């Protein structure tokens, strides 16, 4: 399997959009789309960020191992509050999502500095 196919499967398994993953790992949705559609190869840094995000090895992402079990690599369970936040966030138009995401990132950065 190719990196793009494996990434597409991971997104589906985790209920994530390309945009959501892009925000989490610091790449554009367009870059992720290109990886999935095999229009571009991800850099080593990108592969590592995706692997870290999904808690899988880079070898698994690159199809070098066949023992990737998606059920073993799920993100940690979300709390009820986190689930509610995600449900509300998904109901917002994209422009509002961008605004909220920016506010949350600013708050997280401020918390790290405190």
PDB file of N, CA and C in Angstrom:
ATOM      1  N   UNK A   1       0.833  -1.190   0.000  1.00  0.00           N
ATOM      2  CA  UNK A   1       0.000   0.000   0.000  1.00  0.00           C
ATOM      3  C   UNK A   1       0.871   1.245   0.000  1.00  0.00           C
ATOM      4  N   UNK A   2       0.373   2.285  -0.608  1.00  0.00           N
ATOM      5  CA  UNK A   2       1.119   3.546  -0.684  1.00  0.00           C
ATOM      6  C   UNK A   2       0.843   4.417   0.543  1.00  0.00           C
ATOM      7  N   UNK A   3       1.730   5.388   0.757  1.00  0.00           N
ATOM      8  CA  UNK A   3       1.551   6.354   1.836  1.00  0.00           C
ATOM      9  C   UNK A   3       0.173   7.014   1.728  1.00  0.00           C
ATOM     10  N   UNK A   4      -0.197   7.429   0.521  1.00  0.00           N
ATOM     11  CA  UNK A   4      -1.479   8.105   0.321  1.00  0.00           C
ATOM     12  C   UNK A   4      -2.665   7.252   0.708  1.00  0.00           C
ATOM     13  N   UNK A   5      -2.635   5.993   0.337  1.00  0.00           N
ATOM     14  CA  UNK A   5      -3.729   5.078   0.676  1.00  0.00           C
ATOM     15  C   UNK A   5      -3.801   4.855   2.180  1.00  0.00           C
ATOM     16  N   UNK A   6      -2.646   4.668   2.792  1.00  0.00           N
ATOM     17  CA  UNK A   6      -2.610   4.452   4.241  1.00  0.00           C
ATOM     18  C   UNK A   6      -3.087   5.700   4.973  1.00  0.00           C
ATOM     19  N   UNK A   7      -2.653   6.871   4.521  1.00  0.00           N
ATOM     20  CA  UNK A   7      -3.094   8.124   5.140  1.00  0.00           C
ATOM     21  C   UNK A   7      -4.601   8.298   4.988  1.00  0.00           C
ATOM     22  N   UNK A   8      -5.125   8.008   3.822  1.00  0.00           N
ATOM     23  CA  UNK A   8      -6.568   8.110   3.589  1.00  0.00           C
ATOM     24  C   UNK A   8      -7.315   7.189   4.547  1.00  0.00           C
ATOM     25  N   UNK A   9      -6.813   5.968   4.725  1.00  0.00           N
ATOM     26  CA  UNK A   9      -7.442   5.019   5.648  1.00  0.00           C
ATOM     27  C   UNK A   9      -7.398   5.518   7.090  1.00  0.00           C
ATOM     28  N   UNK A  10      -6.268   6.104   7.478  1.00  0.00           N
ATOM     29  CA  UNK A  10      -6.151   6.635   8.841  1.00  0.00           C
ATOM     30  C   UNK A  10      -7.120   7.798   9.064  1.00  0.00           C
ATOM     31  N   UNK A  11      -7.232   8.669   8.086  1.00  0.00           N
ATOM     32  CA  UNK A  11      -8.187   9.778   8.212  1.00  0.00           C
ATOM     33  C   UNK A  11      -9.603   9.256   8.392  1.00  0.00           C
ATOM     34  N   UNK A  12      -9.960   8.280   7.580  1.00  0.00           N
ATOM     35  CA  UNK A  12     -11.304   7.700   7.665  1.00  0.00           C
ATOM     36  C   UNK A  12     -11.514   7.027   9.013  1.00  0.00           C
ATOM     37  N   UNK A  13     -10.534   6.255   9.440  1.00  0.00           N
ATOM     38  CA  UNK A  13     -10.629   5.528  10.707  1.00  0.00           C
ATOM     39  C   UNK A  13     -10.819   6.475  11.889  1.00  0.00           C
ATOM     40  N   UNK A  14     -10.182   7.637  11.819  1.00  0.00           N
ATOM     41  CA  UNK A  14     -10.240   8.601  12.920  1.00  0.00           C
ATOM     42  C   UNK A  14     -11.326   9.660  12.731  1.00  0.00           C
ATOM     43  N   UNK A  15     -12.044   9.580  11.620  1.00  0.00           N
ATOM     44  CA  UNK A  15     -13.102  10.555  11.369  1.00  0.00           C
ATOM     45  C   UNK A  15     -12.573  11.960  11.181  1.00  0.00           C
ATOM     46  N   UNK A  16     -11.398  12.074  10.567  1.00  0.00           N
ATOM     47  CA  UNK A  16     -10.772  13.375  10.360  1.00  0.00           C
ATOM     48  C   UNK A  16     -10.865  13.820   8.915  1.00  0.00           C
ATOM     49  N   UNK A  17     -10.908  15.116   8.725  1.00  0.00           N
ATOM     50  CA  UNK A  17     -10.825  15.673   7.379  1.00  0.00           C
ATOM     51  C   UNK A  17      -9.361  15.995   7.080  1.00  0.00           C
ATOM     52  N   UNK A  18      -9.077  16.197   5.831  1.00  0.00           N
ATOM     53  CA  UNK A  18      -7.729  16.613   5.446  1.00  0.00           C
ATOM     54  C   UNK A  18      -7.387  17.953   6.095  1.00  0.00           C
ATOM     55  N   UNK A  19      -8.347  18.846   6.136  1.00  0.00           N
ATOM     56  CA  UNK A  19      -8.130  20.171   6.744  1.00  0.00           C
ATOM     57  C   UNK A  19      -7.803  20.061   8.223  1.00  0.00           C
ATOM     58  N   UNK A  20      -8.523  19.186   8.918  1.00  0.00           N
ATOM     59  CA  UNK A  20      -8.279  19.023  10.353  1.00  0.00           C
ATOM     60  C   UNK A  20      -6.877  18.488  10.605  1.00  0.00           C
ATOM     61  N   UNK A  21      -6.482  17.488   9.837  1.00  0.00           N
ATOM     62  CA  UNK A  21      -5.122  16.951   9.996  1.00  0.00           C
ATOM     63  C   UNK A  21      -4.091  18.022   9.659  1.00  0.00           C
ATOM     64  N   UNK A  22      -4.329  18.757   8.592  1.00  0.00           N
ATOM     65  CA  UNK A  22      -3.395  19.807   8.185  1.00  0.00           C
ATOM     66  C   UNK A  22      -3.169  20.799   9.325  1.00  0.00           C
ATOM     67  N   UNK A  23      -4.230  21.216   9.972  1.00  0.00           N
ATOM     68  CA  UNK A  23      -4.123  22.152  11.096  1.00  0.00           C
ATOM     69  C   UNK A  23      -3.311  21.556  12.234  1.00  0.00           C
ATOM     70  N   UNK A  24      -3.499  20.280  12.480  1.00  0.00           N
ATOM     71  CA  UNK A  24      -2.826  19.613  13.593  1.00  0.00           C
ATOM     72  C   UNK A  24      -1.333  19.426  13.354  1.00  0.00           C
ATOM     73  N   UNK A  25      -0.943  19.179  12.121  1.00  0.00           N
ATOM     74  CA  UNK A  25       0.469  18.863  11.868  1.00  0.00           C
ATOM     75  C   UNK A  25       1.229  20.000  11.187  1.00  0.00           C
ATOM     76  N   UNK A  26       0.560  21.101  10.895  1.00  0.00           N
ATOM     77  CA  UNK A  26       1.245  22.269  10.350  1.00  0.00           C
ATOM     78  C   UNK A  26       1.504  22.245   8.856  1.00  0.00           C
ATOM     79  N   UNK A  27       0.639  21.566   8.120  1.00  0.00           N
ATOM     80  CA  UNK A  27       0.728  21.547   6.662  1.00  0.00           C
ATOM     81  C   UNK A  27      -0.594  22.037   6.096  1.00  0.00           C
ATOM     82  N   UNK A  28      -0.642  22.262   4.806  1.00  0.00           N
ATOM     83  CA  UNK A  28      -1.881  22.713   4.187  1.00  0.00           C
ATOM     84  C   UNK A  28      -2.743  21.515   3.794  1.00  0.00           C
ATOM     85  N   UNK A  29      -4.020  21.768   3.655  1.00  0.00           N
ATOM     86  CA  UNK A  29      -4.937  20.734   3.183  1.00  0.00           C
ATOM     87  C   UNK A  29      -4.533  20.316   1.781  1.00  0.00           C
ATOM     88  N   UNK A  30      -4.071  21.252   0.995  1.00  0.00           N
ATOM     89  CA  UNK A  30      -3.647  20.965  -0.389  1.00  0.00           C
ATOM     90  C   UNK A  30      -2.483  19.977  -0.409  1.00  0.00           C
ATOM     91  N   UNK A  31      -1.530  20.159   0.500  1.00  0.00           N
ATOM     92  CA  UNK A  31      -0.391  19.231   0.576  1.00  0.00           C
ATOM     93  C   UNK A  31      -0.875  17.826   0.911  1.00  0.00           C
ATOM     94  N   UNK A  32      -1.770  17.731   1.864  1.00  0.00           N
ATOM     95  CA  UNK A  32      -2.288  16.415   2.257  1.00  0.00           C
ATOM     96  C   UNK A  32      -3.054  15.783   1.104  1.00  0.00           C
ATOM     97  N   UNK A  33      -3.834  16.580   0.408  1.00  0.00           N
ATOM     98  CA  UNK A  33      -4.560  16.076  -0.763  1.00  0.00           C
ATOM     99  C   UNK A  33      -3.593  15.524  -1.805  1.00  0.00           C
ATOM    100  N   UNK A  34      -2.508  16.248  -2.029  1.00  0.00           N
ATOM    101  CA  UNK A  34      -1.512  15.792  -3.011  1.00  0.00           C
ATOM    102  C   UNK A  34      -0.869  14.480  -2.575  1.00  0.00           C
ATOM    103  N   UNK A  35      -0.610  14.328  -1.281  1.00  0.00           N
ATOM    104  CA  UNK A  35      -0.033  13.072  -0.791  1.00  0.00           C
ATOM    105  C   UNK A  35      -1.001  11.916  -1.022  1.00  0.00           C
ATOM    106  N   UNK A  36      -2.273  12.154  -0.680  1.00  0.00           N
ATOM    107  CA  UNK A  36      -3.276  11.104  -0.812  1.00  0.00           C
ATOM    108  C   UNK A  36      -3.470  10.712  -2.271  1.00  0.00           C
ATOM    109  N   UNK A  37      -3.473  11.698  -3.145  1.00  0.00           N
ATOM    110  CA  UNK A  37      -3.683  11.435  -4.573  1.00  0.00           C
ATOM    111  C   UNK A  37      -2.395  11.108  -5.323  1.00  0.00           C
ATOM    112  N   UNK A  38      -1.319  10.940  -4.579  1.00  0.00           N
ATOM    113  CA  UNK A  38      -0.004  10.592  -5.127  1.00  0.00           C
ATOM    114  C   UNK A  38       0.465  11.578  -6.187  1.00  0.00           C
ATOM    115  N   UNK A  39       0.164  12.848  -5.951  1.00  0.00           N
ATOM    116  CA  UNK A  39       0.626  13.920  -6.824  1.00  0.00           C
ATOM    117  C   UNK A  39       1.930  14.521  -6.306  1.00  0.00           C
ATOM    118  N   UNK A  40       2.248  14.223  -5.040  1.00  0.00           N
ATOM    119  CA  UNK A  40       3.475  14.719  -4.419  1.00  0.00           C
ATOM    120  C   UNK A  40       3.890  13.743  -3.329  1.00  0.00           C
ATOM    121  N   UNK A  41       5.184  13.708  -3.068  1.00  0.00           N
ATOM    122  CA  UNK A  41       5.732  12.863  -2.002  1.00  0.00           C
ATOM    123  C   UNK A  41       5.925  13.714  -0.753  1.00  0.00           C
ATOM    124  N   UNK A  42       5.524  13.215   0.407  1.00  0.00           N
ATOM    125  CA  UNK A  42       5.753  13.973   1.632  1.00  0.00           C
ATOM    126  C   UNK A  42       7.236  13.963   2.001  1.00  0.00           C
ATOM    127  N   UNK A  43       7.669  14.998   2.676  1.00  0.00           N
ATOM    128  CA  UNK A  43       9.044  15.051   3.166  1.00  0.00           C
ATOM    129  C   UNK A  43       9.183  14.116   4.365  1.00  0.00           C
ATOM    130  N   UNK A  44      10.408  13.867   4.745  1.00  0.00           N
ATOM    131  CA  UNK A  44      10.649  13.033   5.934  1.00  0.00           C
ATOM    132  C   UNK A  44      10.001  13.671   7.158  1.00  0.00           C
ATOM    133  N   UNK A  45      10.101  14.978   7.261  1.00  0.00           N
ATOM    134  CA  UNK A  45       9.496  15.698   8.383  1.00  0.00           C
ATOM    135  C   UNK A  45       7.977  15.508   8.399  1.00  0.00           C
ATOM    136  N   UNK A  46       7.361  15.589   7.230  1.00  0.00           N
ATOM    137  CA  UNK A  46       5.909  15.414   7.137  1.00  0.00           C
ATOM    138  C   UNK A  46       5.517  13.997   7.545  1.00  0.00           C
ATOM    139  N   UNK A  47       6.265  13.020   7.075  1.00  0.00           N
ATOM    140  CA  UNK A  47       5.975  11.624   7.433  1.00  0.00           C
ATOM    141  C   UNK A  47       6.070  11.444   8.943  1.00  0.00           C
ATOM    142  N   UNK A  48       7.096  12.020   9.541  1.00  0.00           N
ATOM    143  CA  UNK A  48       7.263  11.907  10.992  1.00  0.00           C
ATOM    144  C   UNK A  48       6.123  12.580  11.746  1.00  0.00           C
ATOM    145  N   UNK A  49       5.680  13.737  11.265  1.00  0.00           N
ATOM    146  CA  UNK A  49       4.560  14.421  11.939  1.00  0.00           C
ATOM    147  C   UNK A  49       3.274  13.603  11.848  1.00  0.00           C
ATOM    148  N   UNK A  50       3.029  13.026  10.679  1.00  0.00           N
ATOM    149  CA  UNK A  50       1.829  12.193  10.515  1.00  0.00           C
ATOM    150  C   UNK A  50       1.938  10.955  11.408  1.00  0.00           C
ATOM    151  N   UNK A  51       3.097  10.325  11.409  1.00  0.00           N
ATOM    152  CA  UNK A  51       3.303   9.129  12.239  1.00  0.00           C
ATOM    153  C   UNK A  51       3.094   9.457  13.717  1.00  0.00           C
ATOM    154  N   UNK A  52       3.667  10.560  14.175  1.00  0.00           N
ATOM    155  CA  UNK A  52       3.499  10.949  15.576  1.00  0.00           C
ATOM    156  C   UNK A  52       2.044  11.252  15.897  1.00  0.00           C
ATOM    157  N   UNK A  53       1.367  11.921  14.991  1.00  0.00           N
ATOM    158  CA  UNK A  53      -0.032  12.269  15.236  1.00  0.00           C
ATOM    159  C   UNK A  53      -0.893  11.024  15.408  1.00  0.00           C
ATOM    160  N   UNK A  54      -0.690  10.039  14.527  1.00  0.00           N
ATOM    161  CA  UNK A  54      -1.517   8.832  14.565  1.00  0.00           C
ATOM    162  C   UNK A  54      -0.927   7.721  15.432  1.00  0.00           C
ATOM    163  N   UNK A  55       0.214   7.965  16.041  1.00  0.00           N
ATOM    164  CA  UNK A  55       0.861   6.970  16.904  1.00  0.00           C
ATOM    165  C   UNK A  55       1.175   5.683  16.144  1.00  0.00           C
ATOM    166  N   UNK A  56       1.739   5.845  14.964  1.00  0.00           N
ATOM    167  CA  UNK A  56       2.187   4.711  14.153  1.00  0.00           C
ATOM    168  C   UNK A  56       3.640   4.960  13.769  1.00  0.00           C
ATOM    169  N   UNK A  57       4.296   3.943  13.257  1.00  0.00           N
ATOM    170  CA  UNK A  57       5.677   4.115  12.810  1.00  0.00           C
ATOM    171  C   UNK A  57       5.696   4.673  11.395  1.00  0.00           C
ATOM    172  N   UNK A  58       6.800   5.294  11.048  1.00  0.00           N
ATOM    173  CA  UNK A  58       6.938   5.778   9.674  1.00  0.00           C
ATOM    174  C   UNK A  58       6.978   4.595   8.708  1.00  0.00           C
ATOM    175  N   UNK A  59       7.546   3.479   9.137  1.00  0.00           N
ATOM    176  CA  UNK A  59       7.545   2.281   8.290  1.00  0.00           C
ATOM    177  C   UNK A  59       6.120   1.843   7.966  1.00  0.00           C
ATOM    178  N   UNK A  60       5.236   1.911   8.942  1.00  0.00           N
ATOM    179  CA  UNK A  60       3.842   1.532   8.704  1.00  0.00           C
ATOM    180  C   UNK A  60       3.194   2.489   7.707  1.00  0.00           C
ATOM    181  N   UNK A  61       3.478   3.788   7.845  1.00  0.00           N
ATOM    182  CA  UNK A  61       2.910   4.775   6.920  1.00  0.00           C
ATOM    183  C   UNK A  61       3.406   4.581   5.493  1.00  0.00           C
ATOM    184  N   UNK A  62       4.635   4.125   5.371  1.00  0.00           N
ATOM    185  CA  UNK A  62       5.229   3.951   4.057  1.00  0.00           C
ATOM    186  C   UNK A  62       4.956   2.577   3.461  1.00  0.00           C
ATOM    187  N   UNK A  63       4.193   1.753   4.185  1.00  0.00           N
ATOM    188  CA  UNK A  63       3.836   0.437   3.674  1.00  0.00           C
ATOM    189  C   UNK A  63       4.968  -0.566   3.752  1.00  0.00           C
ATOM    190  N   UNK A  64       5.970  -0.272   4.566  1.00  0.00           N
ATOM    191  CA  UNK A  64       7.113  -1.191   4.697  1.00  0.00           C
ATOM    192  C   UNK A  64       6.804  -2.359   5.610  1.00  0.00           C
ATOM    193  N   UNK A  65       5.811  -2.182   6.460  1.00  0.00           N
ATOM    194  CA  UNK A  65       5.378  -3.270   7.324  1.00  0.00           C
ATOM    195  C   UNK A  65       3.917  -3.536   7.027  1.00  0.00           C
ATOM    196  N   UNK A  66       3.529  -4.755   7.208  1.00  0.00           N
ATOM    197  CA  UNK A  66       2.136  -5.121   6.928  1.00  0.00           C
ATOM    198  C   UNK A  66       1.364  -5.356   8.213  1.00  0.00           C
ATOM    199  N   UNK A  67       1.979  -5.060   9.331  1.00  0.00           N
ATOM    200  CA  UNK A  67       1.330  -5.357  10.607  1.00  0.00           C
ATOM    201  C   UNK A  67       0.619  -4.165  11.222  1.00  0.00           C
ATOM    202  N   UNK A  68       0.334  -3.145  10.428  1.00  0.00           N
ATOM    203  CA  UNK A  68      -0.391  -1.994  10.967  1.00  0.00           C
ATOM    204  C   UNK A  68      -1.835  -2.402  11.220  1.00  0.00           C
ATOM    205  N   UNK A  69      -2.235  -2.252  12.438  1.00  0.00           N
ATOM    206  CA  UNK A  69      -3.602  -2.550  12.853  1.00  0.00           C
ATOM    207  C   UNK A  69      -4.219  -1.234  13.280  1.00  0.00           C
ATOM    208  N   UNK A  70      -5.091  -0.693  12.459  1.00  0.00           N
ATOM    209  CA  UNK A  70      -5.661   0.624  12.724  1.00  0.00           C
ATOM    210  C   UNK A  70      -6.330   0.687  14.093  1.00  0.00           C
ATOM    211  N   UNK A  71      -6.915  -0.402  14.540  1.00  0.00           N
ATOM    212  CA  UNK A  71      -7.623  -0.367  15.817  1.00  0.00           C
ATOM    213  C   UNK A  71      -6.665  -0.165  16.986  1.00  0.00           C
ATOM    214  N   UNK A  72      -5.389  -0.511  16.812  1.00  0.00           N
ATOM    215  CA  UNK A  72      -4.401  -0.319  17.871  1.00  0.00           C
ATOM    216  C   UNK A  72      -3.861   1.094  17.894  1.00  0.00           C
ATOM    217  N   UNK A  73      -4.135   1.861  16.866  1.00  0.00           N
ATOM    218  CA  UNK A  73      -3.528   3.170  16.736  1.00  0.00           C
ATOM    219  C   UNK A  73      -4.539   4.308  16.778  1.00  0.00           C
ATOM    220  N   UNK A  74      -5.585   4.094  17.492  1.00  0.00           N
ATOM    221  CA  UNK A  74      -6.583   5.152  17.616  1.00  0.00           C
ATOM    222  C   UNK A  74      -6.061   6.235  18.546  1.00  0.00           C
ATOM    223  N   UNK A  75      -6.483   7.436  18.285  1.00  0.00           N
ATOM    224  CA  UNK A  75      -6.146   8.536  19.169  1.00  0.00           C
ATOM    225  C   UNK A  75      -6.793   8.262  20.528  1.00  0.00           C
ATOM    226  N   UNK A  76      -6.244   8.839  21.577  1.00  0.00           N
ATOM    227  CA  UNK A  76      -6.833   8.636  22.894  1.00  0.00           C
ATOM    228  C   UNK A  76      -8.309   9.015  22.886  1.00  0.00           C
ATOM    229  N   UNK A  77      -9.087   8.327  23.717  1.00  0.00           N
ATOM    230  CA  UNK A  77     -10.519   8.608  23.795  1.00  0.00           C
ATOM    231  C   UNK A  77     -10.757  10.058  24.198  1.00  0.00           C
ATOM    232  N   UNK A  78     -11.779  10.632  23.616  1.00  0.00           N
ATOM    233  CA  UNK A  78     -12.131  12.011  23.926  1.00  0.00           C
ATOM    234  C   UNK A  78     -13.069  12.058  25.116  1.00  0.00           C
ATOM    235  N   UNK A  79     -12.933  13.092  25.928  1.00  0.00           N
ATOM    236  CA  UNK A  79     -13.864  13.300  27.028  1.00  0.00           C
ATOM    237  C   UNK A  79     -15.191  13.783  26.458  1.00  0.00           C
ATOM    238  N   UNK A  80     -16.216  13.768  27.268  1.00  0.00           N
ATOM    239  CA  UNK A  80     -17.531  14.248  26.827  1.00  0.00           C
ATOM    240  C   UNK A  80     -17.448  15.717  26.414  1.00  0.00           C
ATOM    241  N   UNK A  81     -16.665  16.489  27.138  1.00  0.00           N
ATOM    242  CA  UNK A  81     -16.505  17.911  26.819  1.00  0.00           C
ATOM    243  C   UNK A  81     -15.801  18.089  25.476  1.00  0.00           C
ATOM    244  N   UNK A  82     -14.772  17.282  25.212  1.00  0.00           N
ATOM    245  CA  UNK A  82     -14.074  17.358  23.935  1.00  0.00           C
ATOM    246  C   UNK A  82     -14.990  16.949  22.784  1.00  0.00           C
ATOM    247  N   UNK A  83     -15.797  15.929  23.000  1.00  0.00           N
ATOM    248  CA  UNK A  83     -16.741  15.488  21.971  1.00  0.00           C
ATOM    249  C   UNK A  83     -17.760  16.578  21.672  1.00  0.00           C
ATOM    250  N   UNK A  84     -18.251  17.240  22.710  1.00  0.00           N
ATOM    251  CA  UNK A  84     -19.206  18.327  22.514  1.00  0.00           C
ATOM    252  C   UNK A  84     -18.567  19.470  21.741  1.00  0.00           C
ATOM    253  N   UNK A  85     -17.335  19.793  22.083  1.00  0.00           N
ATOM    254  CA  UNK A  85     -16.609  20.856  21.390  1.00  0.00           C
ATOM    255  C   UNK A  85     -16.464  20.536  19.908  1.00  0.00           C
ATOM    256  N   UNK A  86     -16.112  19.310  19.595  1.00  0.00           N
ATOM    257  CA  UNK A  86     -15.937  18.900  18.199  1.00  0.00           C
ATOM    258  C   UNK A  86     -17.269  18.954  17.456  1.00  0.00           C
ATOM    259  N   UNK A  87     -18.334  18.475  18.087  1.00  0.00           N
ATOM    260  CA  UNK A  87     -19.651  18.521  17.431  1.00  0.00           C
ATOM    261  C   UNK A  87     -20.039  19.957  17.107  1.00  0.00           C
ATOM    262  N   UNK A  88     -19.876  20.845  18.056  1.00  0.00           N
ATOM    263  CA  UNK A  88     -20.219  22.255  17.839  1.00  0.00           C
ATOM    264  C   UNK A  88     -19.317  22.874  16.770  1.00  0.00           C
ATOM    265  N   UNK A  89     -18.028  22.569  16.837  1.00  0.00           N
ATOM    266  CA  UNK A  89     -17.057  23.100  15.879  1.00  0.00           C
ATOM    267  C   UNK A  89     -17.418  22.692  14.459  1.00  0.00           C
ATOM    268  N   UNK A  90     -17.812  21.448  14.266  1.00  0.00           N
ATOM    269  CA  UNK A  90     -18.129  20.944  12.927  1.00  0.00           C
ATOM    270  C   UNK A  90     -19.381  21.585  12.343  1.00  0.00           C
ATOM    271  N   UNK A  91     -20.241  22.126  13.192  1.00  0.00           N
ATOM    272  CA  UNK A  91     -21.466  22.779  12.715  1.00  0.00           C
ATOM    273  C   UNK A  91     -21.209  24.203  12.227  1.00  0.00           C
ATOM    274  N   UNK A  92     -20.046  24.741  12.556  1.00  0.00           N
ATOM    275  CA  UNK A  92     -19.718  26.112  12.172  1.00  0.00           C
ATOM    276  C   UNK A  92     -19.272  26.184  10.715  1.00  0.00           C
ATOM    277  N   UNK A  93     -19.491  27.329  10.076  1.00  0.00           N
ATOM    278  CA  UNK A  93     -18.918  27.509   8.734  1.00  0.00           C
ATOM    279  C   UNK A  93     -17.397  27.558   8.835  1.00  0.00           C
ATOM    280  N   UNK A  94     -16.723  27.265   7.736  1.00  0.00           N
ATOM    281  CA  UNK A  94     -15.263  27.176   7.751  1.00  0.00           C
ATOM    282  C   UNK A  94     -14.600  28.456   8.240  1.00  0.00           C
ATOM    283  N   UNK A  95     -15.149  29.602   7.883  1.00  0.00           N
ATOM    284  CA  UNK A  95     -14.546  30.868   8.329  1.00  0.00           C
ATOM    285  C   UNK A  95     -14.593  30.986   9.853  1.00  0.00           C
ATOM    286  N   UNK A  96     -15.676  30.537  10.452  1.00  0.00           N
ATOM    287  CA  UNK A  96     -15.780  30.562  11.915  1.00  0.00           C
ATOM    288  C   UNK A  96     -14.859  29.519  12.541  1.00  0.00           C
ATOM    289  N   UNK A  97     -14.715  28.370  11.880  1.00  0.00           N
ATOM    290  CA  UNK A  97     -13.796  27.349  12.381  1.00  0.00           C
ATOM    291  C   UNK A  97     -12.376  27.891  12.421  1.00  0.00           C
ATOM    292  N   UNK A  98     -11.981  28.613  11.359  1.00  0.00           N
ATOM    293  CA  UNK A  98     -10.644  29.192  11.311  1.00  0.00           C
ATOM    294  C   UNK A  98     -10.438  30.189  12.448  1.00  0.00           C
ATOM    295  N   UNK A  99     -11.452  30.996  12.711  1.00  0.00           N
ATOM    296  CA  UNK A  99     -11.372  31.981  13.781  1.00  0.00           C
ATOM    297  C   UNK A  99     -11.233  31.296  15.139  1.00  0.00           C
ATOM    298  N   UNK A 100     -12.067  30.300  15.390  1.00  0.00           N
ATOM    299  CA  UNK A 100     -12.035  29.570  16.660  1.00  0.00           C
ATOM    300  C   UNK A 100     -10.695  28.857  16.821  1.00  0.00           C
ATOM    301  N   UNK A 101     -10.224  28.217  15.767  1.00  0.00           N
ATOM    302  CA  UNK A 101      -8.949  27.511  15.834  1.00  0.00           C
ATOM    303  C   UNK A 101      -7.814  28.470  16.170  1.00  0.00           C
ATOM    304  N   UNK A 102      -7.825  29.643  15.566  1.00  0.00           N
ATOM    305  CA  UNK A 102      -6.811  30.646  15.873  1.00  0.00           C
ATOM    306  C   UNK A 102      -6.856  31.072  17.333  1.00  0.00           C
ATOM    307  N   UNK A 103      -8.060  31.241  17.870  1.00  0.00           N
ATOM    308  CA  UNK A 103      -8.212  31.639  19.266  1.00  0.00           C
ATOM    309  C   UNK A 103      -7.704  30.538  20.200  1.00  0.00           C
ATOM    310  N   UNK A 104      -8.026  29.298  19.881  1.00  0.00           N
ATOM    311  CA  UNK A 104      -7.601  28.174  20.720  1.00  0.00           C
ATOM    312  C   UNK A 104      -6.080  28.032  20.681  1.00  0.00           C
ATOM    313  N   UNK A 105      -5.497  28.161  19.494  1.00  0.00           N
ATOM    314  CA  UNK A 105      -4.038  28.076  19.390  1.00  0.00           C
ATOM    315  C   UNK A 105      -3.372  29.192  20.184  1.00  0.00           C
ATOM    316  N   UNK A 106      -3.923  30.398  20.131  1.00  0.00           N
ATOM    317  CA  UNK A 106      -3.367  31.520  20.898  1.00  0.00           C
ATOM    318  C   UNK A 106      -3.446  31.245  22.394  1.00  0.00           C
ATOM    319  N   UNK A 107      -4.571  30.718  22.825  1.00  0.00           N
ATOM    320  CA  UNK A 107      -4.739  30.402  24.243  1.00  0.00           C
ATOM    321  C   UNK A 107      -3.765  29.304  24.675  1.00  0.00           C
ATOM    322  N   UNK A 108      -3.580  28.290  23.822  1.00  0.00           N
ATOM    323  CA  UNK A 108      -2.654  27.203  24.148  1.00  0.00           C
ATOM    324  C   UNK A 108      -1.217  27.722  24.220  1.00  0.00           C
ATOM    325  N   UNK A 109      -0.849  28.593  23.281  1.00  0.00           N
ATOM    326  CA  UNK A 109       0.491  29.165  23.297  1.00  0.00           C
ATOM    327  C   UNK A 109       0.716  29.996  24.553  1.00  0.00           C
ATOM    328  N   UNK A 110      -0.290  30.770  24.944  1.00  0.00           N
ATOM    329  CA  UNK A 110      -0.183  31.585  26.159  1.00  0.00           C
ATOM    330  C   UNK A 110      -0.050  30.702  27.389  1.00  0.00           C
ATOM    331  N   UNK A 111      -0.764  29.597  27.418  1.00  0.00           N
ATOM    332  CA  UNK A 111      -0.694  28.676  28.542  1.00  0.00           C
ATOM    333  C   UNK A 111       0.697  28.032  28.644  1.00  0.00           C
ATOM    334  N   UNK A 112       1.300  27.751  27.501  1.00  0.00           N
ATOM    335  CA  UNK A 112       2.637  27.149  27.492  1.00  0.00           C
ATOM    336  C   UNK A 112       3.673  28.124  28.040  1.00  0.00           C
ATOM    337  N   UNK A 113       3.475  29.409  27.750  1.00  0.00           N
ATOM    338  CA  UNK A 113       4.427  30.417  28.208  1.00  0.00           C
ATOM    339  C   UNK A 113       4.251  30.751  29.685  1.00  0.00           C
ATOM    340  N   UNK A 114       3.083  30.483  30.211  1.00  0.00           N
ATOM    341  CA  UNK A 114       2.788  30.846  31.608  1.00  0.00           C
ATOM    342  C   UNK A 114       3.439  29.902  32.600  1.00  0.00           C
TER     343      UNK A 114
END
